[in-house]
Amino acid sequence: MRRMDELHLEHPFAGSRMLRDLLRLAGQQVGRKHVRTLMKKMGIEAIYRRPNLSKRHDAHLIYPYLLRDLVINRPNQCWATDITYIPMRRGFVYLIAVIDWYSRKVLSWRLSNTLTTDFCLEAVSEAIARFGKPEIFNTDQGSQFTSSEFTDLLKHNGIKISMDGKGCWRDNVFVERLWKSVKYEEVYLKAYDTVAAARDSLGNYLTFYNTRRPHQSLDGKTPDTFYFENLPPMNIAG
């Protein structure tokens, strides 16, 4: 599953047949049926850039995508979130992160061993408590994000809800770039023995990501620096 996760990042178009063949070329003998079972367990689908971890619920209301052609030019104008699969030495967990689109700053994050809505609500609630409210909040169409609990949290805070088109990973591209950095610079270099170890190590990495890792797209600055330098004076004073 860990190697499949790596292959999926490298080749998002690969389905079960291609993943089976790629694994076999690397000396891992596995059948297509087993690969398909593991893909379902991990939430991976071909063509999707990211694991499709949050499945759409047919009875939930879907909101329009609000970011097309919108110029994002200030912190807290738009936040986004997503969920990704994190392999451990034995087993796996799921990571959710809330980021500010303008600065790429990770505002909050949570780990969970189940794909429930509660850890998503905790992450968003913490981000709002620490950094205020964004004008727009963007997610995919997963059931965690279309649930009434999640959308009510945003609506009660006066936040506009935006959702990606189904399967359109480019609509949430900055979170996808975060996942690639997290996977290649942290997760794939480690083998977490426990959830606590994963939480500590990921926490250290995300602190580094925010405070010390320069970004070319931010003129070589860190997300923290770019976020706080561009906040309106009233926000900084608060």
Protein backbone atom coordinates (compact mmCIF):
# COMPACT_ATOMS: atom_id res chain seq x y z
CA MET A 1 0.00 0.00 0.00
CA ARG A 2 2.86 2.38 0.74
CA ARG A 3 4.43 1.69 -2.66
CA MET A 4 1.04 2.06 -4.33
CA ASP A 5 0.69 5.46 -2.68
CA GLU A 6 4.06 6.51 -4.11
CA LEU A 7 3.13 5.22 -7.56
CA HIS A 8 -0.20 7.04 -7.43
CA LEU A 9 1.54 10.36 -6.77
CA GLU A 10 3.91 9.71 -9.66
CA HIS A 11 1.30 8.30 -12.07
CA PRO A 12 -2.21 9.50 -11.12
CA PHE A 13 -3.60 8.08 -14.37
CA ALA A 14 -2.63 4.50 -13.45
CA GLY A 15 -5.50 2.11 -12.85
CA SER A 16 -5.39 -1.32 -11.19
CA ARG A 17 -3.87 -3.05 -14.24
CA MET A 18 -1.03 -0.56 -14.62
CA LEU A 19 -0.37 -0.46 -10.87
CA ARG A 20 -0.19 -4.25 -10.86
CA ASP A 21 2.32 -4.18 -13.71
CA LEU A 22 4.39 -1.43 -12.09
CA LEU A 23 4.52 -3.42 -8.85
CA ARG A 24 5.52 -6.57 -10.72
CA LEU A 25 8.32 -4.71 -12.51
CA ALA A 26 9.61 -3.79 -9.05
CA GLY A 27 9.55 -7.45 -7.98
CA GLN A 28 6.28 -7.39 -6.03
CA GLN A 29 4.08 -10.19 -7.33
CA VAL A 30 0.46 -9.23 -6.84
CA GLY A 31 -2.78 -9.85 -8.72
CA ARG A 32 -5.02 -7.21 -10.21
CA LYS A 33 -7.92 -8.18 -7.94
CA HIS A 34 -5.82 -7.60 -4.82
CA VAL A 35 -4.54 -4.28 -6.22
CA ARG A 36 -8.15 -3.21 -6.84
CA THR A 37 -9.08 -4.19 -3.25
CA LEU A 38 -6.20 -2.13 -1.85
CA MET A 39 -7.07 0.83 -4.09
CA LYS A 40 -10.59 0.81 -2.69
CA LYS A 41 -9.25 0.63 0.87
CA MET A 42 -6.91 3.56 0.23
CA GLY A 43 -9.46 5.58 -1.72
CA ILE A 44 -7.34 5.70 -4.89
CA GLU A 45 -8.88 5.99 -8.35
CA ALA A 46 -7.18 6.37 -11.71
CA ILE A 47 -7.11 9.84 -13.34
CA TYR A 48 -7.65 11.55 -9.97
CA ARG A 49 -4.57 13.47 -8.95
CA ARG A 50 -5.29 12.78 -5.30
CA PRO A 51 -6.71 9.78 -3.48
CA ASN A 52 -10.49 10.05 -3.64
CA LEU A 53 -10.70 9.52 0.11
CA SER A 54 -13.88 11.44 0.72
CA LYS A 55 -16.69 9.81 -1.26
CA ARG A 56 -19.63 11.89 -2.39
CA HIS A 57 -22.95 11.30 -0.64
CA ASP A 58 -25.82 11.42 -3.12
CA ALA A 59 -28.24 12.96 -0.62
CA HIS A 60 -25.94 15.85 0.32
CA LEU A 61 -26.17 19.28 -1.27
CA ILE A 62 -23.31 20.15 -3.65
CA TYR A 63 -22.18 23.78 -3.80
CA PRO A 64 -20.74 25.52 -6.91
CA TYR A 65 -17.03 26.12 -7.47
CA LEU A 66 -16.39 29.80 -6.72
CA LEU A 67 -12.68 30.14 -7.51
CA ARG A 68 -12.61 29.91 -11.30
CA ASP A 69 -11.00 33.09 -12.67
CA LEU A 70 -11.01 34.61 -9.17
CA VAL A 71 -7.82 36.51 -8.29
CA ILE A 72 -6.59 35.41 -4.85
CA ASN A 73 -4.58 38.40 -3.61
CA ARG A 74 -4.70 38.40 0.19
CA PRO A 75 -4.56 36.07 3.20
CA ASN A 76 -7.86 34.69 4.50
CA GLN A 77 -9.58 35.36 1.19
CA CYS A 78 -9.82 31.61 0.56
CA TRP A 79 -9.01 28.54 2.60
CA ALA A 80 -9.04 24.96 1.36
CA THR A 81 -8.89 21.49 2.85
CA ASP A 82 -8.44 17.88 1.81
CA ILE A 83 -7.66 14.44 3.24
CA THR A 84 -4.74 12.17 2.34
CA TYR A 85 -3.56 8.64 3.18
CA ILE A 86 -0.51 8.36 5.48
CA PRO A 87 1.25 4.94 5.61
CA MET A 88 2.87 3.76 8.85
CA ARG A 89 5.13 0.78 9.55
CA ARG A 90 1.98 -1.18 10.29
CA GLY A 91 -1.33 0.20 9.16
CA PHE A 92 -2.14 3.74 8.15
CA VAL A 93 -3.93 6.93 9.20
CA TYR A 94 -5.58 9.83 7.40
CA LEU A 95 -4.36 13.43 7.48
CA ILE A 96 -6.51 16.51 6.96
CA ALA A 97 -5.01 19.98 6.61
CA VAL A 98 -6.55 23.44 6.26
CA ILE A 99 -4.44 25.85 4.19
CA ASP A 100 -4.61 29.49 3.21
CA TRP A 101 -4.59 29.64 -0.61
CA TYR A 102 -2.72 32.94 -0.86
CA SER A 103 0.21 32.08 1.40
CA ARG A 104 0.12 28.24 1.34
CA LYS A 105 0.26 28.37 5.14
CA VAL A 106 -1.04 25.27 6.94
CA LEU A 107 -3.51 26.76 9.40
CA SER A 108 -4.44 23.52 11.19
CA TRP A 109 -4.34 19.75 10.76
CA ARG A 110 -5.55 16.51 12.34
CA LEU A 111 -4.84 12.77 12.10
CA SER A 112 -7.49 10.07 12.30
CA ASN A 113 -7.64 6.31 11.79
CA THR A 114 -11.17 6.58 10.39
CA LEU A 115 -12.76 8.70 7.66
CA THR A 116 -15.34 10.39 9.83
CA THR A 117 -16.45 14.02 9.85
CA ASP A 118 -15.39 14.82 13.42
CA PHE A 119 -11.67 15.28 12.80
CA CYS A 120 -12.50 17.54 9.83
CA LEU A 121 -14.68 19.71 12.05
CA GLU A 122 -11.93 19.89 14.67
CA ALA A 123 -9.36 21.06 12.13
CA VAL A 124 -11.59 23.78 10.68
CA SER A 125 -12.77 24.94 14.10
CA GLU A 126 -9.16 25.30 15.26
CA ALA A 127 -8.21 27.29 12.15
CA ILE A 128 -11.12 29.69 12.67
CA ALA A 129 -10.32 30.08 16.37
CA ARG A 130 -6.66 30.87 15.65
CA PHE A 131 -6.81 32.88 12.42
CA GLY A 132 -10.33 34.24 12.03
CA LYS A 133 -12.70 33.50 9.16
CA PRO A 134 -11.95 33.21 5.45
CA GLU A 135 -14.27 34.72 2.88
CA ILE A 136 -14.44 31.42 0.93
CA PHE A 137 -13.78 27.83 1.96
CA ASN A 138 -13.03 25.31 -0.81
CA THR A 139 -13.33 21.51 -0.57
CA ASP A 140 -14.01 18.54 -2.80
CA GLN A 141 -17.42 16.87 -2.95
CA GLY A 142 -16.61 14.25 -0.33
CA SER A 143 -19.28 13.22 2.15
CA GLN A 144 -17.31 14.65 5.08
CA PHE A 145 -17.38 18.11 3.47
CA THR A 146 -20.93 18.01 2.09
CA SER A 147 -22.41 16.84 5.41
CA SER A 148 -24.75 19.22 7.18
CA GLU A 149 -22.41 19.30 10.20
CA PHE A 150 -19.54 20.58 8.07
CA THR A 151 -21.46 23.03 5.88
CA ASP A 152 -23.39 24.37 8.89
CA LEU A 153 -20.09 25.19 10.60
CA LEU A 154 -19.08 27.31 7.61
CA LYS A 155 -22.50 28.92 7.14
CA HIS A 156 -22.81 29.82 10.81
CA ASN A 157 -19.52 31.69 10.48
CA GLY A 158 -20.67 33.54 7.37
CA ILE A 159 -18.20 31.73 5.09
CA LYS A 160 -19.02 31.13 1.41
CA ILE A 161 -18.81 27.45 0.44
CA SER A 162 -17.00 26.39 -2.73
CA MET A 163 -16.65 22.80 -4.00
CA ASP A 164 -14.47 21.31 -6.71
CA GLY A 165 -15.98 19.83 -9.82
CA LYS A 166 -16.19 16.04 -9.46
CA GLY A 167 -12.75 14.55 -10.06
CA CYS A 168 -11.17 17.94 -10.86
CA TRP A 169 -8.02 17.82 -8.74
CA ARG A 170 -6.81 21.09 -10.31
CA ASP A 171 -9.58 22.93 -8.46
CA ASN A 172 -7.71 22.27 -5.21
CA VAL A 173 -4.19 22.24 -6.62
CA PHE A 174 -2.44 23.97 -3.71
CA VAL A 175 -3.51 21.26 -1.27
CA GLU A 176 -2.28 18.67 -3.78
CA ARG A 177 1.13 20.37 -3.83
CA LEU A 178 1.18 20.30 -0.04
CA TRP A 179 0.50 16.54 -0.07
CA LYS A 180 3.35 15.96 -2.50
CA SER A 181 5.75 17.88 -0.24
CA VAL A 182 4.51 16.07 2.88
CA LYS A 183 4.87 12.66 1.23
CA TYR A 184 8.29 13.09 -0.39
CA GLU A 185 9.95 15.26 2.26
CA GLU A 186 8.54 13.53 5.37
CA VAL A 187 6.28 10.49 5.12
CA TYR A 188 8.23 8.35 2.64
CA LEU A 189 11.44 8.96 4.59
CA LYS A 190 9.94 7.62 7.80
CA ALA A 191 8.23 4.48 9.07
CA TYR A 192 5.99 5.58 11.93
CA ASP A 193 5.57 2.89 14.60
CA THR A 194 2.55 4.47 16.28
CA VAL A 195 -0.07 7.12 15.64
CA ALA A 196 1.58 9.24 18.35
CA ALA A 197 4.91 8.99 16.53
CA ALA A 198 3.25 9.96 13.25
CA ARG A 199 1.56 12.93 14.93
CA ASP A 200 4.81 14.19 16.48
CA SER A 201 6.86 13.78 13.31
CA LEU A 202 4.23 15.32 11.02
CA GLY A 203 3.81 18.18 13.49
CA ASN A 204 7.53 18.89 13.32
CA TYR A 205 7.49 18.77 9.53
CA LEU A 206 4.47 21.07 9.18
CA THR A 207 6.09 23.56 11.54
CA PHE A 208 9.18 23.45 9.31
CA TYR A 209 6.94 23.81 6.23
CA ASN A 210 5.30 26.94 7.64
CA THR A 211 8.27 28.64 9.27
CA ARG A 212 11.49 27.57 7.55
CA ARG A 213 10.79 26.05 4.13
CA PRO A 214 11.11 28.69 1.36
CA HIS A 215 8.68 28.56 -1.57
CA GLN A 216 9.59 29.67 -5.09
CA SER A 217 6.00 30.76 -5.69
CA LEU A 218 6.27 33.04 -2.63
CA ASP A 219 9.47 34.79 -3.82
CA GLY A 220 11.56 32.49 -1.66
CA LYS A 221 9.67 33.37 1.52
CA THR A 222 8.07 30.95 3.96
CA PRO A 223 4.27 30.58 4.20
CA ASP A 224 4.30 32.14 7.68
CA THR A 225 6.23 35.19 6.52
CA PHE A 226 4.07 35.64 3.42
CA TYR A 227 0.86 35.21 5.42
CA PHE A 228 1.65 37.67 8.22
CA GLU A 229 3.37 40.26 5.98
CA ASN A 230 0.24 40.58 3.87
CA LEU A 231 -2.42 40.63 6.56
CA PRO A 232 -4.32 43.93 6.88
CA PRO A 233 -3.08 45.97 9.89
CA MET A 234 -6.37 45.37 11.74
CA ASN A 235 -5.90 41.59 11.50
CA ILE A 236 -2.32 41.78 12.74
CA ALA A 237 -3.31 43.96 15.69
CA GLY A 238 -6.04 41.44 16.58
